[in-house]
């Protein structure tokens, strides 16, 4: 469980999320690299809040960098999910045609 204060003043609790997705990791020959973060040291998890809003939780294994979370748009959530090869939830499926060519 983690709680974050968002830019709009809302507090999100990851335990209250209705769904979460961890970013995929790809092997580059030396390290596993996060597909969305592009890093071996930083991770992302996408969450859908109880109210249906999407946010990304950012984790770092680098000293001095605090974990944080930020709201993202439905379009950005759909892009993140598609990049990580997840099926889109029903409320985002209509965006797939706009994003994928």
C-alpha atoms as a PDB file:
ATOM      1  CA  UNK A   1       0.000   0.000   0.000  1.00  0.00           C
ATOM      2  CA  UNK A   2       1.117   3.496  -0.781  1.00  0.00           C
ATOM      3  CA  UNK A   3      -0.605   6.849  -0.546  1.00  0.00           C
ATOM      4  CA  UNK A   4       0.256   9.869  -2.639  1.00  0.00           C
ATOM      5  CA  UNK A   5      -0.945  13.457  -2.695  1.00  0.00           C
ATOM      6  CA  UNK A   6      -1.731  14.341  -6.287  1.00  0.00           C
ATOM      7  CA  UNK A   7      -1.243  17.764  -7.911  1.00  0.00           C
ATOM      8  CA  UNK A   8      -4.976  18.482  -7.581  1.00  0.00           C
ATOM      9  CA  UNK A   9      -4.902  17.792  -3.822  1.00  0.00           C
ATOM     10  CA  UNK A  10      -6.532  14.359  -4.068  1.00  0.00           C
ATOM     11  CA  UNK A  11      -5.017  11.556  -2.009  1.00  0.00           C
ATOM     12  CA  UNK A  12      -4.778   8.221  -3.807  1.00  0.00           C
ATOM     13  CA  UNK A  13      -4.292   4.929  -2.023  1.00  0.00           C
ATOM     14  CA  UNK A  14      -2.990   2.157  -4.279  1.00  0.00           C
ATOM     15  CA  UNK A  15      -4.917  -0.412  -2.203  1.00  0.00           C
ATOM     16  CA  UNK A  16      -8.164   1.257  -3.292  1.00  0.00           C
ATOM     17  CA  UNK A  17      -7.418   0.916  -7.015  1.00  0.00           C
ATOM     18  CA  UNK A  18      -9.830  -1.287  -8.946  1.00  0.00           C
ATOM     19  CA  UNK A  19      -7.085  -2.490 -11.314  1.00  0.00           C
ATOM     20  CA  UNK A  20      -3.315  -2.202 -11.715  1.00  0.00           C
ATOM     21  CA  UNK A  21      -0.799  -3.097 -14.410  1.00  0.00           C
ATOM     22  CA  UNK A  22       2.991  -3.362 -14.006  1.00  0.00           C
ATOM     23  CA  UNK A  23       5.077  -2.267 -16.952  1.00  0.00           C
ATOM     24  CA  UNK A  24       6.665  -4.962 -19.071  1.00  0.00           C
ATOM     25  CA  UNK A  25      10.433  -5.373 -18.936  1.00  0.00           C
ATOM     26  CA  UNK A  26      12.628  -6.269 -21.897  1.00  0.00           C
ATOM     27  CA  UNK A  27      16.093  -7.831 -21.754  1.00  0.00           C
ATOM     28  CA  UNK A  28      18.719  -5.717 -23.544  1.00  0.00           C
ATOM     29  CA  UNK A  29      21.499  -8.277 -23.195  1.00  0.00           C
ATOM     30  CA  UNK A  30      22.684  -6.858 -19.889  1.00  0.00           C
ATOM     31  CA  UNK A  31      19.653  -5.662 -17.923  1.00  0.00           C
ATOM     32  CA  UNK A  32      15.887  -5.775 -17.813  1.00  0.00           C
ATOM     33  CA  UNK A  33      14.646  -2.407 -19.060  1.00  0.00           C
ATOM     34  CA  UNK A  34      11.160  -1.080 -18.320  1.00  0.00           C
ATOM     35  CA  UNK A  35       9.199  -0.693 -21.525  1.00  0.00           C
ATOM     36  CA  UNK A  36       7.541   2.575 -20.469  1.00  0.00           C
ATOM     37  CA  UNK A  37      10.217   3.973 -18.182  1.00  0.00           C
ATOM     38  CA  UNK A  38      13.104   3.012 -20.476  1.00  0.00           C
ATOM     39  CA  UNK A  39      15.161   2.340 -17.360  1.00  0.00           C
ATOM     40  CA  UNK A  40      16.546  -0.487 -15.277  1.00  0.00           C
ATOM     41  CA  UNK A  41      16.343   1.718 -12.178  1.00  0.00           C
ATOM     42  CA  UNK A  42      12.841   3.173 -12.469  1.00  0.00           C
ATOM     43  CA  UNK A  43       9.529   1.314 -12.630  1.00  0.00           C
ATOM     44  CA  UNK A  44       5.982   2.299 -13.476  1.00  0.00           C
ATOM     45  CA  UNK A  45       2.658   0.849 -12.410  1.00  0.00           C
ATOM     46  CA  UNK A  46      -0.606   2.056 -13.941  1.00  0.00           C
ATOM     47  CA  UNK A  47      -3.671   2.151 -11.693  1.00  0.00           C
ATOM     48  CA  UNK A  48      -7.381   2.760 -12.230  1.00  0.00           C
ATOM     49  CA  UNK A  49      -8.872   4.521  -9.219  1.00  0.00           C
ATOM     50  CA  UNK A  50     -12.233   3.709  -7.645  1.00  0.00           C
ATOM     51  CA  UNK A  51     -13.663   6.681  -9.549  1.00  0.00           C
ATOM     52  CA  UNK A  52     -12.285   5.409 -12.878  1.00  0.00           C
ATOM     53  CA  UNK A  53      -9.378   7.837 -13.225  1.00  0.00           C
ATOM     54  CA  UNK A  54      -5.941   6.583 -14.249  1.00  0.00           C
ATOM     55  CA  UNK A  55      -2.631   7.354 -12.589  1.00  0.00           C
ATOM     56  CA  UNK A  56       0.938   6.121 -12.797  1.00  0.00           C
ATOM     57  CA  UNK A  57       3.000   5.289  -9.749  1.00  0.00           C
ATOM     58  CA  UNK A  58       6.716   5.884 -10.310  1.00  0.00           C
ATOM     59  CA  UNK A  59       9.228   3.850  -8.284  1.00  0.00           C
ATOM     60  CA  UNK A  60      12.977   4.381  -8.211  1.00  0.00           C
ATOM     61  CA  UNK A  61      15.806   2.248  -6.917  1.00  0.00           C
ATOM     62  CA  UNK A  62      18.125   5.259  -7.010  1.00  0.00           C
ATOM     63  CA  UNK A  63      19.008   6.785  -3.668  1.00  0.00           C
ATOM     64  CA  UNK A  64      17.374  10.131  -3.044  1.00  0.00           C
ATOM     65  CA  UNK A  65      14.542   9.774  -5.564  1.00  0.00           C
ATOM     66  CA  UNK A  66      11.148   9.556  -3.895  1.00  0.00           C
ATOM     67  CA  UNK A  67       8.301   7.456  -5.228  1.00  0.00           C
ATOM     68  CA  UNK A  68       5.447   9.531  -6.630  1.00  0.00           C
ATOM     69  CA  UNK A  69       2.227   9.293  -8.603  1.00  0.00           C
ATOM     70  CA  UNK A  70       0.492  11.464 -11.182  1.00  0.00           C
ATOM     71  CA  UNK A  71      -2.852  11.519 -12.944  1.00  0.00           C
ATOM     72  CA  UNK A  72      -2.815  10.755 -16.652  1.00  0.00           C
ATOM     73  CA  UNK A  73      -5.470  11.135 -19.331  1.00  0.00           C
ATOM     74  CA  UNK A  74      -7.488   8.228 -20.670  1.00  0.00           C
ATOM     75  CA  UNK A  75      -5.567   8.524 -23.949  1.00  0.00           C
ATOM     76  CA  UNK A  76      -2.215   8.358 -22.130  1.00  0.00           C
ATOM     77  CA  UNK A  77      -3.459   5.350 -20.140  1.00  0.00           C
ATOM     78  CA  UNK A  78      -4.500   3.596 -23.351  1.00  0.00           C
ATOM     79  CA  UNK A  79      -1.109   4.336 -24.930  1.00  0.00           C
ATOM     80  CA  UNK A  80       0.697   3.018 -21.837  1.00  0.00           C
ATOM     81  CA  UNK A  81      -1.363  -0.186 -21.834  1.00  0.00           C
ATOM     82  CA  UNK A  82      -0.875  -0.807 -25.554  1.00  0.00           C
ATOM     83  CA  UNK A  83       2.879  -0.144 -25.313  1.00  0.00           C
ATOM     84  CA  UNK A  84       3.031  -2.764 -22.571  1.00  0.00           C
ATOM     85  CA  UNK A  85       0.877  -5.203 -24.587  1.00  0.00           C
ATOM     86  CA  UNK A  86      -2.146  -5.239 -22.277  1.00  0.00           C
ATOM     87  CA  UNK A  87      -5.730  -5.486 -23.448  1.00  0.00           C
ATOM     88  CA  UNK A  88      -7.562  -2.211 -23.064  1.00  0.00           C
ATOM     89  CA  UNK A  89     -10.376  -1.992 -20.508  1.00  0.00           C
ATOM     90  CA  UNK A  90     -13.823  -1.422 -21.998  1.00  0.00           C
ATOM     91  CA  UNK A  91     -13.823   2.312 -21.243  1.00  0.00           C
ATOM     92  CA  UNK A  92     -10.595   2.804 -23.264  1.00  0.00           C
ATOM     93  CA  UNK A  93     -11.237   0.486 -26.242  1.00  0.00           C
ATOM     94  CA  UNK A  94     -12.595   3.285 -28.442  1.00  0.00           C
ATOM     95  CA  UNK A  95      -9.194   5.028 -28.246  1.00  0.00           C
ATOM     96  CA  UNK A  96      -7.285   2.129 -29.816  1.00  0.00           C
ATOM     97  CA  UNK A  97      -8.226   3.139 -33.387  1.00  0.00           C
ATOM     98  CA  UNK A  98      -6.856   6.649 -32.745  1.00  0.00           C
ATOM     99  CA  UNK A  99      -3.563   5.356 -31.321  1.00  0.00           C
ATOM    100  CA  UNK A 100      -2.608   2.289 -33.380  1.00  0.00           C
ATOM    101  CA  UNK A 101      -1.806   2.538 -37.087  1.00  0.00           C
END
